[in-house]
Amino acid sequence: MKTMTKTDTLENVARLLDDRDNFAILTHRFPDGDTLGSAYALCGMLQQKGKKAKVLINGTLLPVYHYLDNGIDHSDFQAETFVSVDVAEEKLLGELAQYKDNIYVAIDHHETHRPFASFYYVEPHSASAGEIIFELGKVMHIDFTKAISNAVYTAVSSDTGCFRYSNVTIRTHLIACELMKYGCDNYQIDKALFDTVAKNKKLLEAFIITNMEYHHNDEIALIYLSQKTLDKFGFDNETVGSTSYLPRTIEGVKVGITIRELDKTTFKISVRTNDGISASVICNAFGGGGHNAAAGCTIHATDIDSAKAKLLDVVYRTL
């Protein structure tokens, strides 16, 4: 049986990485800016230390993130050491699950982390995995080039909603300031991630707002995105990106829910909350997890109505 050991300091993580070579860095399913930015930053850091490293992405790198690949050496090699970033549990590895038994180090910031790596470092007070990677880079005495700084900034800004979410701390802003000092393209990155939307994405957002369901005296806002709907607007579950923030933005809403159909009996749930309601508690009921204000899970049900009923029952009791 695999032994899983918690490591309590970044110095230990740095030593673990220093002892190995030929790295493959794994991201989670439906990769967002935090897992991607953290992976590319760590990849650049390891290459700077003279090691071979590459990023393994679940799916394809969306065009909005193509700049993360800048400065990365793509020399071919056989991976021997597997590291995951921002992956809370092994089932989130998606198409990279074939490596689940070989992961040497897992670096994560989810309080609901379920250990699966030989060594794991979890820092729940960090707003993003990117903050941990930044501090790890300091321990490793990394030269924060523009490419590495851009990758870390992407991770930090993505998981804080451009520094608007409740997980933001003084440390978050200080890290962003330091990355700006190193020359990161903060304006261009934030504009690309938060202020630039493709026409079909904007049309999908309009559909979401128009078709929102409200429950529990309008304290719950829920949207269901079927495969048919995603097809209509030219998306699939890999390319749709984040729309889960929208239900929470409605005035008076305490729990915002996005349900996406993966297949006829499997539904991906994203929960975003206000007013101290725990999204993590809601998703834990279905084997998922995340953070206090943002969490996710998967529900298996005979149809969407059954999935909604299961989920809303838990939300009602939570409220």
Protein backbone atom coordinates (compact mmCIF):
# COMPACT_ATOMS: atom_id res chain seq x y z
CA MET A 1 0.00 0.00 0.00
CA LYS A 2 1.29 3.44 -0.94
CA THR A 3 2.67 5.52 1.95
CA MET A 4 1.52 9.16 1.94
CA THR A 5 3.52 11.61 4.02
CA LYS A 6 2.54 15.16 4.87
CA THR A 7 5.39 17.65 4.59
CA ASP A 8 5.03 20.81 6.69
CA THR A 9 7.54 23.20 5.14
CA LEU A 10 8.34 24.49 1.69
CA GLU A 11 12.00 23.84 2.46
CA ASN A 12 11.12 20.13 2.57
CA VAL A 13 9.24 20.43 -0.72
CA ALA A 14 12.25 22.14 -2.30
CA ARG A 15 14.53 19.34 -1.09
CA LEU A 16 12.18 16.69 -2.47
CA LEU A 17 12.23 18.39 -5.88
CA ASP A 18 15.99 18.95 -5.77
CA ASP A 19 16.57 15.21 -5.33
CA ARG A 20 14.67 14.32 -8.52
CA ASP A 21 14.65 15.10 -12.25
CA ASN A 22 12.56 14.53 -15.39
CA PHE A 23 9.39 16.13 -14.03
CA ALA A 24 5.84 15.98 -15.35
CA ILE A 25 3.54 18.50 -13.67
CA LEU A 26 -0.13 17.53 -13.57
CA THR A 27 -3.15 19.84 -13.64
CA HIS A 28 -6.73 19.12 -12.62
CA ARG A 29 -9.71 18.35 -14.80
CA PHE A 30 -11.27 21.36 -16.60
CA PRO A 31 -8.08 23.36 -15.88
CA ASP A 32 -8.42 26.96 -14.71
CA GLY A 33 -5.90 29.75 -14.38
CA ASP A 34 -4.68 28.63 -10.96
CA THR A 35 -3.74 25.06 -11.86
CA LEU A 36 -2.31 26.14 -15.23
CA GLY A 37 -0.42 29.18 -13.94
CA SER A 38 0.98 27.19 -11.03
CA ALA A 39 2.04 24.33 -13.32
CA TYR A 40 3.78 26.54 -15.87
CA ALA A 41 5.46 28.60 -13.15
CA LEU A 42 6.79 25.47 -11.44
CA CYS A 43 7.88 24.06 -14.79
CA GLY A 44 9.85 27.23 -15.53
CA MET A 45 11.38 27.18 -12.06
CA LEU A 46 12.54 23.57 -12.37
CA GLN A 47 13.99 24.21 -15.83
CA GLN A 48 15.83 27.23 -14.44
CA LYS A 49 17.41 24.90 -11.87
CA GLY A 50 18.74 22.77 -14.72
CA LYS A 51 16.10 20.06 -14.54
CA LYS A 52 13.90 18.63 -17.28
CA ALA A 53 10.23 19.46 -16.80
CA LYS A 54 6.97 19.63 -18.74
CA VAL A 55 3.32 20.38 -18.06
CA LEU A 56 0.60 17.77 -18.61
CA ILE A 57 -2.75 19.44 -19.25
CA ASN A 58 -6.17 17.88 -18.93
CA GLY A 59 -7.39 18.49 -22.46
CA THR A 60 -5.95 21.36 -24.51
CA LEU A 61 -4.48 24.72 -23.53
CA LEU A 62 -7.19 27.26 -24.35
CA PRO A 63 -6.06 30.23 -26.49
CA VAL A 64 -6.48 32.70 -23.60
CA TYR A 65 -3.67 30.86 -21.77
CA HIS A 66 -1.24 30.39 -24.66
CA TYR A 67 1.15 33.00 -23.26
CA LEU A 68 1.88 30.67 -20.34
CA ASP A 69 3.90 28.52 -22.72
CA ASN A 70 6.38 31.32 -23.35
CA GLY A 71 9.89 30.57 -22.17
CA ILE A 72 9.25 26.85 -21.68
CA ASP A 73 11.78 24.40 -23.12
CA HIS A 74 9.91 21.62 -24.93
CA SER A 75 12.79 19.15 -25.30
CA ASP A 76 11.46 15.59 -25.29
CA PHE A 77 12.22 13.26 -22.38
CA GLN A 78 10.68 10.37 -20.44
CA ALA A 79 8.96 11.63 -17.29
CA GLU A 80 10.06 9.96 -14.06
CA THR A 81 8.83 12.31 -11.33
CA PHE A 82 5.17 13.36 -11.24
CA VAL A 83 4.01 16.44 -9.34
CA SER A 84 0.43 17.73 -9.09
CA VAL A 85 -0.57 21.34 -8.44
CA ASP A 86 -3.99 22.58 -7.27
CA VAL A 87 -5.43 19.04 -7.35
CA ALA A 88 -7.55 18.38 -4.26
CA GLU A 89 -8.05 14.65 -4.84
CA GLU A 90 -7.06 12.01 -7.33
CA LYS A 91 -10.46 11.80 -9.03
CA LEU A 92 -9.90 15.37 -10.28
CA LEU A 93 -6.97 14.18 -12.37
CA GLY A 94 -9.41 13.37 -15.17
CA GLU A 95 -7.60 12.05 -18.22
CA LEU A 96 -4.30 12.14 -16.28
CA ALA A 97 -5.60 9.53 -13.81
CA GLN A 98 -3.21 7.00 -15.35
CA TYR A 99 -0.46 8.66 -13.29
CA LYS A 100 -2.32 8.67 -9.96
CA ASP A 101 -0.23 5.91 -8.39
CA ASN A 102 3.04 7.58 -9.39
CA ILE A 103 2.58 11.11 -8.04
CA TYR A 104 5.59 12.00 -5.93
CA VAL A 105 4.53 15.41 -4.58
CA ALA A 106 1.13 17.12 -4.45
CA ILE A 107 1.04 20.89 -3.84
CA ASP A 108 -2.41 22.22 -3.01
CA HIS A 109 -4.38 24.87 -1.12
CA HIS A 110 -7.76 23.16 -0.68
CA GLU A 111 -8.86 22.56 2.90
CA THR A 112 -10.68 19.46 1.65
CA HIS A 113 -7.51 17.92 0.17
CA ARG A 114 -7.63 14.12 0.19
CA PRO A 115 -4.05 12.79 0.15
CA PHE A 116 -3.01 10.67 -2.83
CA ALA A 117 0.69 11.53 -3.40
CA SER A 118 3.77 10.04 -1.73
CA PHE A 119 4.38 13.49 -0.24
CA TYR A 120 1.86 16.31 -0.01
CA TYR A 121 2.03 19.95 1.00
CA VAL A 122 -1.31 21.65 1.67
CA GLU A 123 -1.71 25.28 2.70
CA PRO A 124 -5.44 26.06 3.12
CA HIS A 125 -4.88 29.69 4.13
CA SER A 126 -3.47 30.46 0.68
CA ALA A 127 -5.95 32.08 -1.68
CA SER A 128 -4.48 30.15 -4.59
CA ALA A 129 -1.97 27.43 -5.34
CA GLY A 130 -0.08 30.21 -7.10
CA GLU A 131 0.74 31.83 -3.75
CA ILE A 132 2.39 28.58 -2.62
CA ILE A 133 4.35 28.29 -5.86
CA PHE A 134 5.54 31.87 -5.44
CA GLU A 135 6.82 31.16 -1.92
CA LEU A 136 8.37 27.90 -3.12
CA GLY A 137 10.22 29.87 -5.79
CA LYS A 138 11.63 32.10 -3.09
CA VAL A 139 12.87 29.07 -1.17
CA MET A 140 14.40 27.70 -4.38
CA HIS A 141 16.15 31.06 -4.99
CA ILE A 142 14.50 31.43 -8.37
CA ASP A 143 15.06 34.39 -10.69
CA PHE A 144 11.49 35.55 -11.32
CA THR A 145 11.61 36.14 -15.06
CA LYS A 146 8.70 37.76 -16.88
CA ALA A 147 7.45 34.33 -18.00
CA ILE A 148 7.50 32.86 -14.49
CA SER A 149 6.01 36.04 -12.99
CA ASN A 150 3.21 36.03 -15.57
CA ALA A 151 2.40 32.40 -14.77
CA VAL A 152 2.28 33.01 -11.00
CA TYR A 153 0.22 36.18 -11.47
CA THR A 154 -2.25 34.26 -13.63
CA ALA A 155 -2.71 31.71 -10.85
CA VAL A 156 -3.15 34.31 -8.11
CA SER A 157 -5.47 36.60 -10.05
CA SER A 158 -7.59 33.72 -11.41
CA ASP A 159 -8.41 32.13 -8.07
CA THR A 160 -9.21 35.45 -6.41
CA GLY A 161 -11.52 36.74 -9.13
CA CYS A 162 -9.05 39.51 -9.94
CA PHE A 163 -8.60 40.18 -6.20
CA ARG A 164 -12.36 40.50 -5.51
CA TYR A 165 -13.12 37.28 -3.60
CA SER A 166 -13.25 36.82 0.15
CA ASN A 167 -10.15 34.60 0.07
CA VAL A 168 -7.92 37.61 -0.71
CA THR A 169 -5.48 38.52 2.04
CA ILE A 170 -2.78 41.13 2.59
CA ARG A 171 -0.31 38.45 1.50
CA THR A 172 -2.18 38.07 -1.80
CA HIS A 173 -1.76 41.74 -2.61
CA LEU A 174 1.88 41.77 -1.51
CA ILE A 175 2.67 38.85 -3.80
CA ALA A 176 0.91 40.61 -6.69
CA CYS A 177 2.91 43.77 -5.98
CA GLU A 178 6.17 41.83 -6.01
CA LEU A 179 5.24 40.13 -9.28
CA MET A 180 4.54 43.55 -10.78
CA LYS A 181 7.98 44.64 -9.60
CA TYR A 182 9.41 41.67 -11.51
CA GLY A 183 7.67 42.93 -14.65
CA CYS A 184 4.60 40.72 -15.01
CA ASP A 185 2.02 41.84 -17.56
CA ASN A 186 -0.71 42.28 -14.94
CA TYR A 187 -2.90 44.63 -17.01
CA GLN A 188 -2.85 42.43 -20.11
CA ILE A 189 -3.45 39.27 -18.08
CA ASP A 190 -6.39 40.68 -16.13
CA LYS A 191 -7.89 42.16 -19.28
CA ALA A 192 -7.62 38.83 -21.11
CA LEU A 193 -9.03 36.79 -18.20
CA PHE A 194 -11.75 39.12 -16.93
CA ASP A 195 -12.54 41.91 -19.42
CA THR A 196 -12.38 40.18 -22.80
CA VAL A 197 -15.20 37.80 -23.73
CA ALA A 198 -15.83 36.07 -27.04
CA LYS A 199 -19.19 36.84 -28.65
CA ASN A 200 -20.51 33.30 -28.17
CA LYS A 201 -19.45 33.36 -24.49
CA LYS A 202 -21.34 36.61 -23.97
CA LEU A 203 -24.41 35.08 -25.63
CA LEU A 204 -24.12 32.08 -23.29
CA GLU A 205 -23.92 34.44 -20.30
CA ALA A 206 -27.08 36.18 -21.52
CA PHE A 207 -28.78 32.78 -21.72
CA ILE A 208 -27.70 32.02 -18.16
CA ILE A 209 -29.07 35.28 -16.77
CA THR A 210 -32.33 34.92 -18.71
CA ASN A 211 -32.92 31.30 -17.70
CA MET A 212 -31.84 31.46 -14.07
CA GLU A 213 -34.04 29.57 -11.61
CA TYR A 214 -34.70 31.00 -8.15
CA HIS A 215 -35.52 29.04 -5.01
CA HIS A 216 -35.90 29.55 -1.25
CA ASN A 217 -37.26 33.12 -1.43
CA ASP A 218 -34.72 33.98 -4.14
CA GLU A 219 -31.76 33.13 -1.87
CA ILE A 220 -30.74 30.37 -4.29
CA ALA A 221 -30.01 31.04 -7.97
CA LEU A 222 -29.49 28.00 -10.19
CA ILE A 223 -28.64 27.49 -13.84
CA TYR A 224 -28.52 24.19 -15.73
CA LEU A 225 -26.33 23.88 -18.82
CA SER A 226 -27.10 20.78 -20.86
CA GLN A 227 -24.85 19.39 -23.57
CA LYS A 228 -27.44 20.63 -26.07
CA THR A 229 -27.18 24.18 -24.70
CA LEU A 230 -23.38 24.14 -24.77
CA ASP A 231 -23.46 22.81 -28.34
CA LYS A 232 -25.82 25.61 -29.33
CA PHE A 233 -23.32 28.24 -28.22
CA GLY A 234 -20.28 26.40 -29.53
CA PHE A 235 -18.84 25.06 -26.27
CA ASP A 236 -18.19 21.78 -24.53
CA ASN A 237 -17.32 21.09 -20.90
CA GLU A 238 -13.63 21.58 -21.64
CA THR A 239 -13.86 24.91 -23.47
CA VAL A 240 -16.77 26.67 -21.74
CA GLY A 241 -14.57 28.11 -18.99
CA SER A 242 -16.01 29.64 -15.86
CA THR A 243 -19.57 30.89 -15.77
CA SER A 244 -20.16 29.71 -12.21
CA TYR A 245 -19.69 33.18 -10.75
CA LEU A 246 -22.83 34.53 -12.45
CA PRO A 247 -25.60 33.14 -10.17
CA ARG A 248 -23.89 34.56 -7.07
CA THR A 249 -23.83 38.08 -8.54
CA ILE A 250 -27.61 38.47 -8.29
CA GLU A 251 -28.61 40.75 -5.42
CA GLY A 252 -29.98 38.80 -2.45
CA VAL A 253 -28.59 35.46 -3.59
CA LYS A 254 -26.76 33.51 -0.89
CA VAL A 255 -26.06 30.34 -2.90
CA GLY A 256 -25.31 30.35 -6.62
CA ILE A 257 -25.36 26.98 -8.38
CA THR A 258 -24.23 25.97 -11.85
CA ILE A 259 -25.06 22.45 -13.04
CA ARG A 260 -23.37 21.17 -16.20
CA GLU A 261 -24.38 17.93 -17.87
CA LEU A 262 -21.41 15.60 -18.39
CA ASP A 263 -23.65 12.81 -19.63
CA LYS A 264 -27.31 11.89 -19.16
CA THR A 265 -26.78 10.67 -15.60
CA THR A 266 -23.67 12.63 -14.48
CA PHE A 267 -23.73 16.29 -13.53
CA LYS A 268 -20.88 18.62 -12.58
CA ILE A 269 -21.87 21.02 -9.80
CA SER A 270 -20.23 24.36 -9.04
CA VAL A 271 -21.39 26.19 -5.91
CA ARG A 272 -20.54 29.82 -5.09
CA THR A 273 -21.81 31.41 -1.89
CA ASN A 274 -22.23 34.72 -0.09
CA ASP A 275 -22.83 35.75 3.53
CA GLY A 276 -20.64 33.07 5.09
CA ILE A 277 -22.63 30.11 3.73
CA SER A 278 -20.23 27.19 3.27
CA ALA A 279 -20.04 25.95 -0.31
CA SER A 280 -17.65 23.26 0.86
CA VAL A 281 -20.18 21.80 3.31
CA ILE A 282 -22.77 21.59 0.52
CA CYS A 283 -20.41 19.83 -1.87
CA ASN A 284 -18.98 17.54 0.80
CA ALA A 285 -22.40 15.92 0.98
CA PHE A 286 -21.73 14.53 -2.50
CA GLY A 287 -18.08 13.62 -2.03
CA GLY A 288 -16.78 16.93 -3.38
CA GLY A 289 -15.13 19.87 -1.71
CA GLY A 290 -13.26 23.10 -2.17
CA HIS A 291 -13.31 26.36 -0.26
CA ASN A 292 -15.80 28.10 1.99
CA ALA A 293 -17.18 30.34 -0.75
CA ALA A 294 -16.40 28.19 -3.80
CA ALA A 295 -16.64 24.42 -4.13
CA GLY A 296 -17.62 21.67 -6.53
CA CYS A 297 -18.80 18.10 -6.77
CA THR A 298 -20.32 15.55 -9.12
CA ILE A 299 -23.83 14.15 -8.75
CA HIS A 300 -24.99 10.92 -10.34
CA ALA A 301 -28.75 10.80 -10.88
CA THR A 302 -31.32 9.33 -13.25
CA ASP A 303 -32.00 12.77 -14.77
CA ILE A 304 -31.51 16.49 -14.19
CA ASP A 305 -34.67 16.85 -12.10
CA SER A 306 -33.45 14.19 -9.70
CA ALA A 307 -30.00 15.82 -9.53
CA LYS A 308 -31.57 19.21 -8.75
CA ALA A 309 -33.77 17.71 -6.05
CA LYS A 310 -30.80 16.03 -4.33
CA LEU A 311 -28.74 19.19 -4.44
CA LEU A 312 -31.47 21.59 -3.37
CA ASP A 313 -32.38 19.38 -0.41
CA VAL A 314 -28.85 19.79 0.94
CA VAL A 315 -28.79 23.52 0.20
CA TYR A 316 -32.13 24.07 1.96
CA ARG A 317 -30.83 22.32 5.05
CA THR A 318 -27.60 24.31 4.91
CA LEU A 319 -29.49 27.59 4.72
